[in-house]
Amino acid sequence: MNEITSDDKLWAALSWIFFPVAVIALLMEEKKNRPFIKYHAVHSLAFTVIFSVILTIVSAVTCGMGSVLGIVGFVVFYWAYLAYQGQWVEISFVTDFVKKQNWI
């Protein structure tokens, strides 16, 4: 496996914080060929889609979503921090799903 560079860490962390960065990373040939960047970008995209669907459903049922958004925002920044530290973030259902799809 390739060594994780500071550039890899930065792109991985930004993929968690800014959704478009994950898309851009997967469209850029030199970035998507870096396993660490691809791993975090795919996880970020999968989590964002899953969370958006869940949030839409829950928002239709209840109006008190401010606290949930705050907690999820904190968790996403924590995952970005871990990615910037060079760690491979594992999210139980998301990681299993993206591995079964052979996206990573």
PDB file of N, CA and C in Angstrom:
ATOM      1  N   MET A   1       0.846  -1.179   0.000  1.00  0.00           N
ATOM      2  CA  MET A   1       0.000   0.000   0.000  1.00  0.00           C
ATOM      3  C   MET A   1       0.890   1.240   0.000  1.00  0.00           C
ATOM      4  N   ASN A   2       0.418   2.287  -0.652  1.00  0.00           N
ATOM      5  CA  ASN A   2       1.174   3.530  -0.747  1.00  0.00           C
ATOM      6  C   ASN A   2       1.269   4.221   0.606  1.00  0.00           C
ATOM      7  N   GLU A   3       2.342   4.954   0.778  1.00  0.00           N
ATOM      8  CA  GLU A   3       2.497   5.747   1.995  1.00  0.00           C
ATOM      9  C   GLU A   3       1.494   6.898   1.959  1.00  0.00           C
ATOM     10  N   ILE A   4       0.926   7.230   3.116  1.00  0.00           N
ATOM     11  CA  ILE A   4      -0.045   8.310   3.217  1.00  0.00           C
ATOM     12  C   ILE A   4       0.710   9.628   3.340  1.00  0.00           C
ATOM     13  N   THR A   5       0.516  10.512   2.369  1.00  0.00           N
ATOM     14  CA  THR A   5       1.201  11.808   2.365  1.00  0.00           C
ATOM     15  C   THR A   5       0.349  12.860   3.066  1.00  0.00           C
ATOM     16  N   SER A   6       0.946  14.013   3.329  1.00  0.00           N
ATOM     17  CA  SER A   6       0.181  15.105   3.940  1.00  0.00           C
ATOM     18  C   SER A   6      -0.911  15.601   2.985  1.00  0.00           C
ATOM     19  N   ASP A   7      -0.659  15.523   1.697  1.00  0.00           N
ATOM     20  CA  ASP A   7      -1.675  15.888   0.704  1.00  0.00           C
ATOM     21  C   ASP A   7      -2.859  14.915   0.778  1.00  0.00           C
ATOM     22  N   ASP A   8      -2.564  13.625   0.935  1.00  0.00           N
ATOM     23  CA  ASP A   8      -3.630  12.621   1.081  1.00  0.00           C
ATOM     24  C   ASP A   8      -4.489  12.935   2.298  1.00  0.00           C
ATOM     25  N   LYS A   9      -3.842  13.263   3.395  1.00  0.00           N
ATOM     26  CA  LYS A   9      -4.564  13.566   4.633  1.00  0.00           C
ATOM     27  C   LYS A   9      -5.450  14.792   4.470  1.00  0.00           C
ATOM     28  N   LEU A  10      -4.920  15.822   3.811  1.00  0.00           N
ATOM     29  CA  LEU A  10      -5.686  17.047   3.614  1.00  0.00           C
ATOM     30  C   LEU A  10      -6.921  16.793   2.744  1.00  0.00           C
ATOM     31  N   TRP A  11      -6.742  16.110   1.628  1.00  0.00           N
ATOM     32  CA  TRP A  11      -7.864  15.812   0.745  1.00  0.00           C
ATOM     33  C   TRP A  11      -8.894  14.922   1.447  1.00  0.00           C
ATOM     34  N   ALA A  12      -8.435  13.968   2.240  1.00  0.00           N
ATOM     35  CA  ALA A  12      -9.353  13.090   2.963  1.00  0.00           C
ATOM     36  C   ALA A  12     -10.169  13.887   3.977  1.00  0.00           C
ATOM     37  N   ALA A  13      -9.515  14.750   4.732  1.00  0.00           N
ATOM     38  CA  ALA A  13     -10.222  15.566   5.732  1.00  0.00           C
ATOM     39  C   ALA A  13     -11.211  16.518   5.060  1.00  0.00           C
ATOM     40  N   LEU A  14     -10.793  17.161   3.991  1.00  0.00           N
ATOM     41  CA  LEU A  14     -11.687  18.085   3.289  1.00  0.00           C
ATOM     42  C   LEU A  14     -12.862  17.360   2.640  1.00  0.00           C
ATOM     43  N   SER A  15     -12.658  16.105   2.261  1.00  0.00           N
ATOM     44  CA  SER A  15     -13.760  15.316   1.697  1.00  0.00           C
ATOM     45  C   SER A  15     -14.876  15.132   2.715  1.00  0.00           C
ATOM     46  N   TRP A  16     -14.506  15.029   3.990  1.00  0.00           N
ATOM     47  CA  TRP A  16     -15.515  14.889   5.044  1.00  0.00           C
ATOM     48  C   TRP A  16     -16.238  16.195   5.295  1.00  0.00           C
ATOM     49  N   ILE A  17     -15.517  17.299   5.258  1.00  0.00           N
ATOM     50  CA  ILE A  17     -16.096  18.587   5.647  1.00  0.00           C
ATOM     51  C   ILE A  17     -16.890  19.226   4.511  1.00  0.00           C
ATOM     52  N   PHE A  18     -16.378  19.146   3.286  1.00  0.00           N
ATOM     53  CA  PHE A  18     -17.032  19.769   2.133  1.00  0.00           C
ATOM     54  C   PHE A  18     -17.395  18.699   1.113  1.00  0.00           C
ATOM     55  N   PHE A  19     -18.673  18.416   0.980  1.00  0.00           N
ATOM     56  CA  PHE A  19     -19.176  17.393   0.071  1.00  0.00           C
ATOM     57  C   PHE A  19     -18.606  17.522  -1.344  1.00  0.00           C
ATOM     58  N   PRO A  20     -18.548  18.737  -1.934  1.00  0.00           N
ATOM     59  CA  PRO A  20     -18.007  18.848  -3.294  1.00  0.00           C
ATOM     60  C   PRO A  20     -16.547  18.410  -3.428  1.00  0.00           C
ATOM     61  N   VAL A  21     -15.765  18.532  -2.369  1.00  0.00           N
ATOM     62  CA  VAL A  21     -14.353  18.116  -2.432  1.00  0.00           C
ATOM     63  C   VAL A  21     -14.263  16.610  -2.670  1.00  0.00           C
ATOM     64  N   ALA A  22     -15.160  15.847  -2.054  1.00  0.00           N
ATOM     65  CA  ALA A  22     -15.166  14.394  -2.264  1.00  0.00           C
ATOM     66  C   ALA A  22     -15.467  14.070  -3.722  1.00  0.00           C
ATOM     67  N   VAL A  23     -16.410  14.782  -4.306  1.00  0.00           N
ATOM     68  CA  VAL A  23     -16.751  14.567  -5.721  1.00  0.00           C
ATOM     69  C   VAL A  23     -15.563  14.934  -6.600  1.00  0.00           C
ATOM     70  N   ILE A  24     -14.959  16.070  -6.329  1.00  0.00           N
ATOM     71  CA  ILE A  24     -13.802  16.517  -7.114  1.00  0.00           C
ATOM     72  C   ILE A  24     -12.651  15.512  -6.996  1.00  0.00           C
ATOM     73  N   ALA A  25     -12.405  15.013  -5.781  1.00  0.00           N
ATOM     74  CA  ALA A  25     -11.315  14.054  -5.574  1.00  0.00           C
ATOM     75  C   ALA A  25     -11.536  12.788  -6.395  1.00  0.00           C
ATOM     76  N   LEU A  26     -12.786  12.367  -6.510  1.00  0.00           N
ATOM     77  CA  LEU A  26     -13.069  11.151  -7.281  1.00  0.00           C
ATOM     78  C   LEU A  26     -13.067  11.396  -8.785  1.00  0.00           C
ATOM     79  N   LEU A  27     -13.127  12.643  -9.195  1.00  0.00           N
ATOM     80  CA  LEU A  27     -13.063  12.966 -10.620  1.00  0.00           C
ATOM     81  C   LEU A  27     -11.640  13.233 -11.094  1.00  0.00           C
ATOM     82  N   MET A  28     -10.750  13.592 -10.173  1.00  0.00           N
ATOM     83  CA  MET A  28      -9.356  13.863 -10.531  1.00  0.00           C
ATOM     84  C   MET A  28      -8.574  12.552 -10.555  1.00  0.00           C
ATOM     85  N   GLU A  29      -7.963  12.259 -11.681  1.00  0.00           N
ATOM     86  CA  GLU A  29      -7.276  10.976 -11.873  1.00  0.00           C
ATOM     87  C   GLU A  29      -6.195  10.719 -10.826  1.00  0.00           C
ATOM     88  N   GLU A  30      -5.355  11.725 -10.542  1.00  0.00           N
ATOM     89  CA  GLU A  30      -4.257  11.497  -9.594  1.00  0.00           C
ATOM     90  C   GLU A  30      -4.749  11.365  -8.156  1.00  0.00           C
ATOM     91  N   LYS A  31      -5.926  11.930  -7.854  1.00  0.00           N
ATOM     92  CA  LYS A  31      -6.464  11.826  -6.487  1.00  0.00           C
ATOM     93  C   LYS A  31      -7.214  10.518  -6.277  1.00  0.00           C
ATOM     94  N   LYS A  32      -8.009  10.113  -7.260  1.00  0.00           N
ATOM     95  CA  LYS A  32      -8.792   8.892  -7.076  1.00  0.00           C
ATOM     96  C   LYS A  32      -7.922   7.635  -7.114  1.00  0.00           C
ATOM     97  N   ASN A  33      -6.708   7.758  -7.601  1.00  0.00           N
ATOM     98  CA  ASN A  33      -5.792   6.617  -7.598  1.00  0.00           C
ATOM     99  C   ASN A  33      -5.032   6.484  -6.278  1.00  0.00           C
ATOM    100  N   ARG A  34      -5.204   7.440  -5.380  1.00  0.00           N
ATOM    101  CA  ARG A  34      -4.598   7.376  -4.042  1.00  0.00           C
ATOM    102  C   ARG A  34      -5.588   6.673  -3.121  1.00  0.00           C
ATOM    103  N   PRO A  35      -5.246   5.473  -2.622  1.00  0.00           N
ATOM    104  CA  PRO A  35      -6.198   4.682  -1.828  1.00  0.00           C
ATOM    105  C   PRO A  35      -6.777   5.416  -0.620  1.00  0.00           C
ATOM    106  N   PHE A  36      -5.970   6.193   0.087  1.00  0.00           N
ATOM    107  CA  PHE A  36      -6.447   6.879   1.289  1.00  0.00           C
ATOM    108  C   PHE A  36      -7.481   7.946   0.933  1.00  0.00           C
ATOM    109  N   ILE A  37      -7.227   8.707  -0.120  1.00  0.00           N
ATOM    110  CA  ILE A  37      -8.164   9.745  -0.551  1.00  0.00           C
ATOM    111  C   ILE A  37      -9.459   9.100  -1.037  1.00  0.00           C
ATOM    112  N   LYS A  38      -9.329   8.074  -1.873  1.00  0.00           N
ATOM    113  CA  LYS A  38     -10.520   7.412  -2.414  1.00  0.00           C
ATOM    114  C   LYS A  38     -11.363   6.817  -1.291  1.00  0.00           C
ATOM    115  N   TYR A  39     -10.722   6.184  -0.326  1.00  0.00           N
ATOM    116  CA  TYR A  39     -11.420   5.561   0.802  1.00  0.00           C
ATOM    117  C   TYR A  39     -12.286   6.591   1.532  1.00  0.00           C
ATOM    118  N   HIS A  40     -11.705   7.732   1.877  1.00  0.00           N
ATOM    119  CA  HIS A  40     -12.440   8.744   2.625  1.00  0.00           C
ATOM    120  C   HIS A  40     -13.470   9.473   1.767  1.00  0.00           C
ATOM    121  N   ALA A  41     -13.158   9.729   0.510  1.00  0.00           N
ATOM    122  CA  ALA A  41     -14.110  10.410  -0.371  1.00  0.00           C
ATOM    123  C   ALA A  41     -15.357   9.549  -0.581  1.00  0.00           C
ATOM    124  N   VAL A  42     -15.166   8.256  -0.830  1.00  0.00           N
ATOM    125  CA  VAL A  42     -16.309   7.355  -1.029  1.00  0.00           C
ATOM    126  C   VAL A  42     -17.130   7.253   0.252  1.00  0.00           C
ATOM    127  N   HIS A  43     -16.459   7.134   1.385  1.00  0.00           N
ATOM    128  CA  HIS A  43     -17.177   7.078   2.668  1.00  0.00           C
ATOM    129  C   HIS A  43     -17.983   8.361   2.894  1.00  0.00           C
ATOM    130  N   SER A  44     -17.378   9.490   2.621  1.00  0.00           N
ATOM    131  CA  SER A  44     -18.055  10.768   2.808  1.00  0.00           C
ATOM    132  C   SER A  44     -19.301  10.862   1.932  1.00  0.00           C
ATOM    133  N   LEU A  45     -19.173  10.480   0.670  1.00  0.00           N
ATOM    134  CA  LEU A  45     -20.316  10.537  -0.236  1.00  0.00           C
ATOM    135  C   LEU A  45     -21.425   9.586   0.204  1.00  0.00           C
ATOM    136  N   ALA A  46     -21.062   8.357   0.555  1.00  0.00           N
ATOM    137  CA  ALA A  46     -22.065   7.385   0.990  1.00  0.00           C
ATOM    138  C   ALA A  46     -22.765   7.862   2.259  1.00  0.00           C
ATOM    139  N   PHE A  47     -22.001   8.364   3.220  1.00  0.00           N
ATOM    140  CA  PHE A  47     -22.597   8.857   4.465  1.00  0.00           C
ATOM    141  C   PHE A  47     -23.524  10.034   4.184  1.00  0.00           C
ATOM    142  N   THR A  48     -23.109  10.959   3.324  1.00  0.00           N
ATOM    143  CA  THR A  48     -23.922  12.130   3.019  1.00  0.00           C
ATOM    144  C   THR A  48     -25.250  11.734   2.390  1.00  0.00           C
ATOM    145  N   VAL A  49     -25.215  10.798   1.461  1.00  0.00           N
ATOM    146  CA  VAL A  49     -26.458  10.344   0.815  1.00  0.00           C
ATOM    147  C   VAL A  49     -27.369   9.658   1.832  1.00  0.00           C
ATOM    148  N   ILE A  50     -26.825   8.747   2.618  1.00  0.00           N
ATOM    149  CA  ILE A  50     -27.616   8.028   3.614  1.00  0.00           C
ATOM    150  C   ILE A  50     -28.189   9.001   4.642  1.00  0.00           C
ATOM    151  N   PHE A  51     -27.361   9.910   5.137  1.00  0.00           N
ATOM    152  CA  PHE A  51     -27.816  10.874   6.139  1.00  0.00           C
ATOM    153  C   PHE A  51     -28.890  11.788   5.562  1.00  0.00           C
ATOM    154  N   SER A  52     -28.746  12.210   4.313  1.00  0.00           N
ATOM    155  CA  SER A  52     -29.736  13.090   3.685  1.00  0.00           C
ATOM    156  C   SER A  52     -31.092  12.409   3.574  1.00  0.00           C
ATOM    157  N   VAL A  53     -31.091  11.143   3.202  1.00  0.00           N
ATOM    158  CA  VAL A  53     -32.346  10.394   3.101  1.00  0.00           C
ATOM    159  C   VAL A  53     -32.997  10.267   4.483  1.00  0.00           C
ATOM    160  N   ILE A  54     -32.208   9.885   5.469  1.00  0.00           N
ATOM    161  CA  ILE A  54     -32.739   9.742   6.829  1.00  0.00           C
ATOM    162  C   ILE A  54     -33.247  11.087   7.351  1.00  0.00           C
ATOM    163  N   LEU A  55     -32.487  12.139   7.126  1.00  0.00           N
ATOM    164  CA  LEU A  55     -32.877  13.461   7.593  1.00  0.00           C
ATOM    165  C   LEU A  55     -34.177  13.920   6.938  1.00  0.00           C
ATOM    166  N   THR A  56     -34.338  13.644   5.667  1.00  0.00           N
ATOM    167  CA  THR A  56     -35.565  14.010   4.969  1.00  0.00           C
ATOM    168  C   THR A  56     -36.768  13.288   5.560  1.00  0.00           C
ATOM    169  N   ILE A  57     -36.613  12.012   5.821  1.00  0.00           N
ATOM    170  CA  ILE A  57     -37.707  11.227   6.395  1.00  0.00           C
ATOM    171  C   ILE A  57     -38.041  11.717   7.796  1.00  0.00           C
ATOM    172  N   VAL A  58     -37.024  11.907   8.620  1.00  0.00           N
ATOM    173  CA  VAL A  58     -37.250  12.345   9.998  1.00  0.00           C
ATOM    174  C   VAL A  58     -37.800  13.773  10.035  1.00  0.00           C
ATOM    175  N   SER A  59     -37.353  14.625   9.137  1.00  0.00           N
ATOM    176  CA  SER A  59     -37.843  16.004   9.101  1.00  0.00           C
ATOM    177  C   SER A  59     -39.324  16.057   8.746  1.00  0.00           C
ATOM    178  N   ALA A  60     -39.772  15.115   7.962  1.00  0.00           N
ATOM    179  CA  ALA A  60     -41.187  15.064   7.621  1.00  0.00           C
ATOM    180  C   ALA A  60     -42.030  14.705   8.843  1.00  0.00           C
ATOM    181  N   VAL A  61     -41.436  14.030   9.800  1.00  0.00           N
ATOM    182  CA  VAL A  61     -42.156  13.578  10.978  1.00  0.00           C
ATOM    183  C   VAL A  61     -42.038  14.568  12.132  1.00  0.00           C
ATOM    184  N   THR A  62     -40.890  15.189  12.292  1.00  0.00           N
ATOM    185  CA  THR A  62     -40.661  16.064  13.445  1.00  0.00           C
ATOM    186  C   THR A  62     -39.966  17.351  13.020  1.00  0.00           C
ATOM    187  N   CYS A  63     -40.069  18.351  13.853  1.00  0.00           N
ATOM    188  CA  CYS A  63     -39.450  19.651  13.539  1.00  0.00           C
ATOM    189  C   CYS A  63     -38.187  19.914  14.363  1.00  0.00           C
ATOM    190  N   GLY A  64     -37.892  19.130  15.383  1.00  0.00           N
ATOM    191  CA  GLY A  64     -36.765  19.396  16.281  1.00  0.00           C
ATOM    192  C   GLY A  64     -35.473  18.773  15.829  1.00  0.00           C
ATOM    193  N   MET A  65     -34.985  19.155  14.652  1.00  0.00           N
ATOM    194  CA  MET A  65     -33.790  18.528  14.096  1.00  0.00           C
ATOM    195  C   MET A  65     -32.507  19.308  14.393  1.00  0.00           C
ATOM    196  N   GLY A  66     -32.595  20.465  15.008  1.00  0.00           N
ATOM    197  CA  GLY A  66     -31.401  21.272  15.255  1.00  0.00           C
ATOM    198  C   GLY A  66     -30.354  20.559  16.071  1.00  0.00           C
ATOM    199  N   SER A  67     -30.763  19.884  17.137  1.00  0.00           N
ATOM    200  CA  SER A  67     -29.795  19.186  17.986  1.00  0.00           C
ATOM    201  C   SER A  67     -29.180  17.988  17.267  1.00  0.00           C
ATOM    202  N   VAL A  68     -29.961  17.301  16.456  1.00  0.00           N
ATOM    203  CA  VAL A  68     -29.434  16.158  15.705  1.00  0.00           C
ATOM    204  C   VAL A  68     -28.385  16.631  14.704  1.00  0.00           C
ATOM    205  N   LEU A  69     -28.678  17.732  14.020  1.00  0.00           N
ATOM    206  CA  LEU A  69     -27.709  18.275  13.068  1.00  0.00           C
ATOM    207  C   LEU A  69     -26.417  18.689  13.754  1.00  0.00           C
ATOM    208  N   GLY A  70     -26.511  19.259  14.945  1.00  0.00           N
ATOM    209  CA  GLY A  70     -25.328  19.654  15.694  1.00  0.00           C
ATOM    210  C   GLY A  70     -24.472  18.465  16.068  1.00  0.00           C
ATOM    211  N   ILE A  71     -25.094  17.400  16.509  1.00  0.00           N
ATOM    212  CA  ILE A  71     -24.365  16.186  16.889  1.00  0.00           C
ATOM    213  C   ILE A  71     -23.706  15.561  15.668  1.00  0.00           C
ATOM    214  N   VAL A  72     -24.442  15.453  14.564  1.00  0.00           N
ATOM    215  CA  VAL A  72     -23.884  14.859  13.344  1.00  0.00           C
ATOM    216  C   VAL A  72     -22.745  15.727  12.818  1.00  0.00           C
ATOM    217  N   GLY A  73     -22.899  17.042  12.888  1.00  0.00           N
ATOM    218  CA  GLY A  73     -21.830  17.937  12.453  1.00  0.00           C
ATOM    219  C   GLY A  73     -20.557  17.725  13.252  1.00  0.00           C
ATOM    220  N   PHE A  74     -20.696  17.557  14.558  1.00  0.00           N
ATOM    221  CA  PHE A  74     -19.537  17.294  15.407  1.00  0.00           C
ATOM    222  C   PHE A  74     -18.867  15.976  15.014  1.00  0.00           C
ATOM    223  N   VAL A  75     -19.675  14.943  14.772  1.00  0.00           N
ATOM    224  CA  VAL A  75     -19.139  13.625  14.396  1.00  0.00           C
ATOM    225  C   VAL A  75     -18.394  13.709  13.067  1.00  0.00           C
ATOM    226  N   VAL A  76     -18.950  14.427  12.093  1.00  0.00           N
ATOM    227  CA  VAL A  76     -18.293  14.557  10.786  1.00  0.00           C
ATOM    228  C   VAL A  76     -16.958  15.286  10.928  1.00  0.00           C
ATOM    229  N   PHE A  77     -16.903  16.335  11.733  1.00  0.00           N
ATOM    230  CA  PHE A  77     -15.630  17.035  11.951  1.00  0.00           C
ATOM    231  C   PHE A  77     -14.630  16.127  12.669  1.00  0.00           C
ATOM    232  N   TYR A  78     -15.121  15.261  13.543  1.00  0.00           N
ATOM    233  CA  TYR A  78     -14.237  14.293  14.207  1.00  0.00           C
ATOM    234  C   TYR A  78     -13.652  13.317  13.189  1.00  0.00           C
ATOM    235  N   TRP A  79     -14.485  12.833  12.266  1.00  0.00           N
ATOM    236  CA  TRP A  79     -13.988  11.940  11.221  1.00  0.00           C
ATOM    237  C   TRP A  79     -12.980  12.654  10.339  1.00  0.00           C
ATOM    238  N   ALA A  80     -13.226  13.928  10.056  1.00  0.00           N
ATOM    239  CA  ALA A  80     -12.267  14.718   9.269  1.00  0.00           C
ATOM    240  C   ALA A  80     -10.943  14.825  10.014  1.00  0.00           C
ATOM    241  N   TYR A  81     -11.016  15.056  11.328  1.00  0.00           N
ATOM    242  CA  TYR A  81      -9.807  15.132  12.153  1.00  0.00           C
ATOM    243  C   TYR A  81      -9.034  13.812  12.098  1.00  0.00           C
ATOM    244  N   LEU A  82      -9.745  12.694  12.230  1.00  0.00           N
ATOM    245  CA  LEU A  82      -9.086  11.381  12.166  1.00  0.00           C
ATOM    246  C   LEU A  82      -8.437  11.164  10.806  1.00  0.00           C
ATOM    247  N   ALA A  83      -9.120  11.566   9.744  1.00  0.00           N
ATOM    248  CA  ALA A  83      -8.548  11.425   8.396  1.00  0.00           C
ATOM    249  C   ALA A  83      -7.297  12.268   8.270  1.00  0.00           C
ATOM    250  N   TYR A  84      -7.318  13.472   8.836  1.00  0.00           N
ATOM    251  CA  TYR A  84      -6.145  14.348   8.768  1.00  0.00           C
ATOM    252  C   TYR A  84      -4.985  13.785   9.582  1.00  0.00           C
ATOM    253  N   GLN A  85      -5.293  12.967  10.580  1.00  0.00           N
ATOM    254  CA  GLN A  85      -4.261  12.310  11.372  1.00  0.00           C
ATOM    255  C   GLN A  85      -3.725  11.049  10.688  1.00  0.00           C
ATOM    256  N   GLY A  86      -4.300  10.709   9.520  1.00  0.00           N
ATOM    257  CA  GLY A  86      -3.831   9.550   8.766  1.00  0.00           C
ATOM    258  C   GLY A  86      -4.514   8.253   9.145  1.00  0.00           C
ATOM    259  N   GLN A  87      -5.653   8.331   9.818  1.00  0.00           N
ATOM    260  CA  GLN A  87      -6.366   7.126  10.235  1.00  0.00           C
ATOM    261  C   GLN A  87      -7.459   6.781   9.228  1.00  0.00           C
ATOM    262  N   TRP A  88      -7.754   5.500   9.132  1.00  0.00           N
ATOM    263  CA  TRP A  88      -8.799   4.991   8.264  1.00  0.00           C
ATOM    264  C   TRP A  88     -10.089   4.950   9.085  1.00  0.00           C
ATOM    265  N   VAL A  89     -11.036   5.819   8.786  1.00  0.00           N
ATOM    266  CA  VAL A  89     -12.289   5.893   9.532  1.00  0.00           C
ATOM    267  C   VAL A  89     -13.189   4.727   9.115  1.00  0.00           C
ATOM    268  N   GLU A  90     -13.736   4.046  10.101  1.00  0.00           N
ATOM    269  CA  GLU A  90     -14.668   2.934   9.848  1.00  0.00           C
ATOM    270  C   GLU A  90     -16.027   3.320  10.413  1.00  0.00           C
ATOM    271  N   ILE A  91     -17.039   3.335   9.559  1.00  0.00           N
ATOM    272  CA  ILE A  91     -18.420   3.576   9.974  1.00  0.00           C
ATOM    273  C   ILE A  91     -19.159   2.286   9.676  1.00  0.00           C
ATOM    274  N   SER A  92     -19.600   1.600  10.696  1.00  0.00           N
ATOM    275  CA  SER A  92     -20.057   0.213  10.577  1.00  0.00           C
ATOM    276  C   SER A  92     -20.901  -0.061   9.339  1.00  0.00           C
ATOM    277  N   PHE A  93     -22.045   0.529   9.186  1.00  0.00           N
ATOM    278  CA  PHE A  93     -22.897   0.182   8.049  1.00  0.00           C
ATOM    279  C   PHE A  93     -22.409   0.791   6.744  1.00  0.00           C
ATOM    280  N   VAL A  94     -21.790   1.965   6.783  1.00  0.00           N
ATOM    281  CA  VAL A  94     -21.304   2.613   5.567  1.00  0.00           C
ATOM    282  C   VAL A  94     -20.087   1.873   5.024  1.00  0.00           C
ATOM    283  N   THR A  95     -19.141   1.555   5.884  1.00  0.00           N
ATOM    284  CA  THR A  95     -17.940   0.839   5.451  1.00  0.00           C
ATOM    285  C   THR A  95     -18.306  -0.517   4.854  1.00  0.00           C
ATOM    286  N   ASP A  96     -19.199  -1.244   5.516  1.00  0.00           N
ATOM    287  CA  ASP A  96     -19.637  -2.542   4.989  1.00  0.00           C
ATOM    288  C   ASP A  96     -20.284  -2.384   3.616  1.00  0.00           C
ATOM    289  N   PHE A  97     -21.149  -1.372   3.484  1.00  0.00           N
ATOM    290  CA  PHE A  97     -21.856  -1.149   2.224  1.00  0.00           C
ATOM    291  C   PHE A  97     -20.892  -0.826   1.076  1.00  0.00           C
ATOM    292  N   VAL A  98     -19.980   0.127   1.283  1.00  0.00           N
ATOM    293  CA  VAL A  98     -19.086   0.516   0.198  1.00  0.00           C
ATOM    294  C   VAL A  98     -18.100  -0.596  -0.161  1.00  0.00           C
ATOM    295  N   LYS A  99     -17.732  -1.415   0.812  1.00  0.00           N
ATOM    296  CA  LYS A  99     -16.850  -2.551   0.502  1.00  0.00           C
ATOM    297  C   LYS A  99     -17.603  -3.611  -0.302  1.00  0.00           C
ATOM    298  N   LYS A 100     -18.866  -3.869   0.034  1.00  0.00           N
ATOM    299  CA  LYS A 100     -19.673  -4.851  -0.709  1.00  0.00           C
ATOM    300  C   LYS A 100     -19.918  -4.399  -2.143  1.00  0.00           C
ATOM    301  N   GLN A 101     -19.965  -3.086  -2.357  1.00  0.00           N
ATOM    302  CA  GLN A 101     -20.156  -2.537  -3.702  1.00  0.00           C
ATOM    303  C   GLN A 101     -18.850  -2.468  -4.485  1.00  0.00           C
ATOM    304  N   ASN A 102     -17.725  -2.822  -3.862  1.00  0.00           N
ATOM    305  CA  ASN A 102     -16.387  -2.750  -4.452  1.00  0.00           C
ATOM    306  C   ASN A 102     -16.027  -1.329  -4.872  1.00  0.00           C
ATOM    307  N   TRP A 103     -16.497  -0.346  -4.089  1.00  0.00           N
ATOM    308  CA  TRP A 103     -16.150   1.044  -4.361  1.00  0.00           C
ATOM    309  C   TRP A 103     -14.800   1.389  -3.756  1.00  0.00           C
ATOM    310  N   ILE A 104     -14.379   0.634  -2.761  1.00  0.00           N
ATOM    311  CA  ILE A 104     -13.055   0.841  -2.155  1.00  0.00           C
ATOM    312  C   ILE A 104     -12.363  -0.490  -2.062  1.00  0.00           C
TER     313      ILE A 104
END
